Every structure is written in structure tokens, then in C-alpha cells.
Amino acid sequence: MTKLNRKTCIKFDSDPSLHTIDYLKGIIEDASLLTLFYTREITPEELHWQYAENWNTVGALLSHIVATRHYFRIIFVEDRDFVGDEKSKIVPGLEMGKHLPDLMTNDPLSFYVQQLEESKAMLLQSIDQLSPSDFYKKREGYNPETGHNLAWTLYHLAEDEVHHRGQISIIRKLYKTIH
């Protein structure tokens, strides 16, 4: 069994105005590390196994995590619209549903690991470009009365990954029960 090399201390910048950013980056990094850890020994069959028609596969959920990171990076952190073919690459993994057959690719685990690592690196790199005022400013959306800020949005991103990691766990348990 591979040892989990988890950072159990979040490093904070000496500037207190950056502490929330550091804290959320630590949460994102830990969520990502645990996703990789809990899928590290998955077999190719288990990765692409579907419990029933229209159910997600572990691979599809990993694609969703990647797409969600890209979406949040582009729309919320970089505060821009999609350019080029970004939308066509991201939407299937983001929306899943009718796109599920396209997400069932039989790619090896190494493909998903590479995509997860790249999406995390791009997200964290974009976050590093923010000023505290960018991070805390009120944005429209989510709650019509209060709006939201990037701190809440990035927390939601990490929460989404943890939620889907739970789904991955359930799918893996179902697989092991049946096989």
C-alpha cells in the first residue's frame, strides 16, 4: 500500500490579508491529494465499470472533477469567458448526463492522474495571480440577495470534489461486492 504523504500544516504567507487564500489553496491541495490517494490502486475494469445504465463510472467522475476545476478557474478565478475550444472540452465533463457515453473512454488511470494534476496546477497558478481585493470582492450570482465571493466559490469547488470522491467510494464498494 502506498503511503499517503499528506501535508498536515497549511503554510500561511506573512501577509495576513493572504491567509484566507492560503487556507483555501491548502484545502484544494488536500482534496486533490486524497482523490489521487483513494484511486491509486484502482484496476482498469473498476475505473470504467458502470453499476447500471446511466450511472457514473469512476473515470467519468474523475473527468468531472477535472472539468469543474477548469470551469471554476476560467469563469471565477480568471473572470473570463471560454476561448477557443475550451467550452467544447470542458462541458461534457462538467454536465455529464447526456455526455456520459463520451466520458466512458477506457483511458488508463495514468491519463486521469495527469489530467487531475494539470487542472490542479493551472487552478493554483491562477489563484496565485489574485490580489486580496480580487479574492474578497462581491460578485453577482449564486445568491440573488448577497452574491458571492471567490472565497466561498473556491470552498464550494473543494466541497464538490469531496462529494464526488464519496460517490467514487460507493461505486468502488459496489464493484467489489459484485465482483
Protein backbone atom coordinates (compact mmCIF):
# COMPACT_ATOMS: atom_id res chain seq x y z
CA MET A 1 0.00 0.00 0.00
CA THR A 2 1.29 3.44 -0.94
CA LYS A 3 1.96 5.80 1.97
CA LEU A 4 -0.12 8.96 1.99
CA ASN A 5 2.24 11.94 2.15
CA ARG A 6 -0.36 14.42 3.37
CA LYS A 7 0.57 17.96 4.39
CA THR A 8 -0.98 18.39 7.79
CA CYS A 9 0.05 22.02 8.18
CA ILE A 10 -1.13 24.77 5.88
CA LYS A 11 1.62 27.31 5.27
CA PHE A 12 0.46 30.91 5.62
CA ASP A 13 2.03 33.93 3.98
CA SER A 14 3.42 36.56 6.33
CA ASP A 15 0.80 38.97 4.94
CA PRO A 16 -2.43 38.31 6.93
CA SER A 17 -4.56 39.55 4.02
CA LEU A 18 -3.49 36.42 2.12
CA HIS A 19 -4.30 33.89 4.86
CA THR A 20 -7.76 33.02 3.52
CA ILE A 21 -6.29 32.43 0.07
CA ASP A 22 -3.58 30.21 1.56
CA TYR A 23 -6.18 28.35 3.61
CA LEU A 24 -8.39 27.60 0.61
CA LYS A 25 -5.40 26.60 -1.52
CA GLY A 26 -4.48 24.16 1.26
CA ILE A 27 -8.00 22.71 1.21
CA ILE A 28 -7.91 22.35 -2.59
CA GLU A 29 -4.49 20.68 -2.46
CA ASP A 30 -5.58 18.25 0.27
CA ALA A 31 -8.83 17.35 -1.51
CA SER A 32 -6.82 16.68 -4.67
CA LEU A 33 -4.23 14.58 -2.87
CA LEU A 34 -6.90 12.43 -1.25
CA THR A 35 -8.71 11.92 -4.57
CA LEU A 36 -5.47 10.62 -6.07
CA PHE A 37 -4.74 8.52 -2.98
CA TYR A 38 -8.15 6.82 -2.93
CA THR A 39 -7.99 5.94 -6.63
CA ARG A 40 -4.30 4.93 -6.80
CA GLU A 41 -4.80 1.15 -6.87
CA ILE A 42 -7.95 1.04 -8.99
CA THR A 43 -7.96 -1.54 -11.77
CA PRO A 44 -8.82 -0.54 -15.36
CA GLU A 45 -12.01 -2.60 -15.18
CA GLU A 46 -13.06 -0.94 -11.92
CA LEU A 47 -12.20 2.51 -13.32
CA HIS A 48 -14.67 2.09 -16.18
CA TRP A 49 -17.25 -0.20 -14.59
CA GLN A 50 -20.83 1.02 -14.61
CA TYR A 51 -23.18 -0.28 -11.93
CA ALA A 52 -26.26 0.30 -14.06
CA GLU A 53 -27.23 2.20 -17.18
CA ASN A 54 -26.81 5.98 -16.76
CA TRP A 55 -24.71 5.54 -13.62
CA ASN A 56 -21.40 7.35 -13.46
CA THR A 57 -18.14 5.47 -13.67
CA VAL A 58 -15.12 6.34 -11.56
CA GLY A 59 -13.42 7.58 -14.75
CA ALA A 60 -16.39 9.81 -15.57
CA LEU A 61 -16.33 11.28 -12.06
CA LEU A 62 -12.60 11.97 -12.34
CA SER A 63 -13.31 13.71 -15.67
CA HIS A 64 -15.98 15.74 -13.89
CA ILE A 65 -13.53 16.83 -11.19
CA VAL A 66 -11.07 17.94 -13.89
CA ALA A 67 -13.75 19.80 -15.85
CA THR A 68 -15.07 21.50 -12.71
CA ARG A 69 -11.59 22.75 -11.80
CA HIS A 70 -11.15 24.18 -15.29
CA TYR A 71 -14.60 25.76 -15.23
CA PHE A 72 -14.05 27.41 -11.84
CA ARG A 73 -10.58 28.58 -12.88
CA ILE A 74 -11.79 30.18 -16.12
CA ILE A 75 -15.15 31.59 -15.04
CA PHE A 76 -14.47 32.57 -11.43
CA VAL A 77 -10.73 32.90 -10.84
CA GLU A 78 -9.70 34.31 -14.22
CA ASP A 79 -13.12 36.01 -14.53
CA ARG A 80 -13.43 35.45 -18.27
CA ASP A 81 -15.48 33.57 -20.84
CA PHE A 82 -14.33 30.44 -22.63
CA VAL A 83 -11.99 30.94 -25.59
CA GLY A 84 -11.24 28.65 -28.49
CA ASP A 85 -12.26 25.07 -27.85
CA GLU A 86 -12.29 25.35 -24.04
CA LYS A 87 -16.07 25.09 -23.82
CA SER A 88 -16.31 22.01 -26.03
CA LYS A 89 -13.59 20.31 -23.98
CA ILE A 90 -15.00 21.22 -20.56
CA VAL A 91 -18.79 20.98 -20.90
CA PRO A 92 -19.09 17.17 -21.31
CA GLY A 93 -17.22 16.51 -18.06
CA LEU A 94 -18.94 19.39 -16.31
CA GLU A 95 -22.50 18.46 -17.25
CA MET A 96 -22.10 14.66 -17.53
CA GLY A 97 -25.69 13.35 -18.06
CA LYS A 98 -26.17 13.09 -21.82
CA HIS A 99 -22.38 13.29 -22.25
CA LEU A 100 -21.73 10.22 -20.10
CA PRO A 101 -21.11 7.88 -23.08
CA ASP A 102 -18.38 10.28 -24.30
CA LEU A 103 -16.74 10.19 -20.86
CA MET A 104 -16.50 6.39 -20.86
CA THR A 105 -13.24 6.24 -22.79
CA ASN A 106 -11.33 3.29 -21.34
CA ASP A 107 -8.35 5.60 -20.74
CA PRO A 108 -5.82 4.29 -18.20
CA LEU A 109 -5.63 5.67 -14.68
CA SER A 110 -2.42 7.49 -15.63
CA PHE A 111 -4.45 9.63 -18.08
CA TYR A 112 -6.79 10.75 -15.29
CA VAL A 113 -3.93 11.34 -12.87
CA GLN A 114 -2.20 13.57 -15.44
CA GLN A 115 -5.44 15.49 -16.08
CA LEU A 116 -6.08 15.90 -12.34
CA GLU A 117 -2.54 17.14 -11.70
CA GLU A 118 -2.63 19.57 -14.64
CA SER A 119 -6.03 21.01 -13.72
CA LYS A 120 -4.95 21.49 -10.10
CA ALA A 121 -1.68 23.16 -11.12
CA MET A 122 -3.48 25.53 -13.52
CA LEU A 123 -6.08 26.39 -10.87
CA LEU A 124 -3.49 27.10 -8.17
CA GLN A 125 -1.37 29.11 -10.60
CA SER A 126 -4.39 31.27 -11.47
CA ILE A 127 -5.24 31.73 -7.78
CA ASP A 128 -1.67 32.92 -7.18
CA GLN A 129 -2.31 35.79 -9.61
CA LEU A 130 -5.12 37.20 -7.45
CA SER A 131 -4.88 40.13 -5.10
CA PRO A 132 -6.76 40.02 -1.80
CA SER A 133 -9.26 42.54 -3.17
CA ASP A 134 -9.97 40.23 -6.18
CA PHE A 135 -10.50 37.38 -3.78
CA TYR A 136 -12.91 39.09 -1.40
CA LYS A 137 -14.94 41.33 -3.73
CA LYS A 138 -18.65 40.67 -4.04
CA ARG A 139 -19.72 39.01 -7.27
CA GLU A 140 -23.19 38.57 -8.66
CA GLY A 141 -24.72 35.11 -8.76
CA TYR A 142 -25.41 32.08 -6.59
CA ASN A 143 -27.40 34.08 -4.03
CA PRO A 144 -29.50 36.88 -5.57
CA GLU A 145 -29.53 38.79 -2.28
CA THR A 146 -25.90 38.59 -1.19
CA GLY A 147 -23.99 37.47 -4.28
CA HIS A 148 -20.84 35.53 -3.52
CA ASN A 149 -17.11 36.00 -3.28
CA LEU A 150 -14.25 33.90 -4.58
CA ALA A 151 -13.52 32.58 -1.08
CA TRP A 152 -16.97 30.95 -0.99
CA THR A 153 -16.67 29.80 -4.60
CA LEU A 154 -13.36 28.01 -4.04
CA TYR A 155 -14.66 26.40 -0.87
CA HIS A 156 -17.59 25.13 -2.97
CA LEU A 157 -15.14 23.73 -5.54
CA ALA A 158 -13.31 21.71 -2.86
CA GLU A 159 -16.63 20.60 -1.38
CA ASP A 160 -17.74 19.37 -4.83
CA GLU A 161 -14.60 17.27 -5.22
CA VAL A 162 -15.05 15.69 -1.79
CA HIS A 163 -18.69 14.92 -2.63
CA HIS A 164 -17.69 13.16 -5.85
CA ARG A 165 -14.92 11.29 -4.06
CA GLY A 166 -17.69 9.88 -1.87
CA GLN A 167 -19.52 8.73 -4.99
CA ILE A 168 -16.30 7.12 -6.21
CA SER A 169 -16.06 5.27 -2.90
CA ILE A 170 -19.62 3.96 -3.23
CA ILE A 171 -19.03 2.82 -6.82
CA ARG A 172 -15.83 1.04 -5.78
CA LYS A 173 -17.67 -0.72 -2.90
CA LEU A 174 -20.46 -1.81 -5.25
CA TYR A 175 -17.88 -3.11 -7.72
CA LYS A 176 -16.07 -5.13 -5.05
CA THR A 177 -19.38 -6.52 -3.74
CA ILE A 178 -20.44 -7.72 -7.18
CA HIS A 179 -17.03 -8.89 -8.37
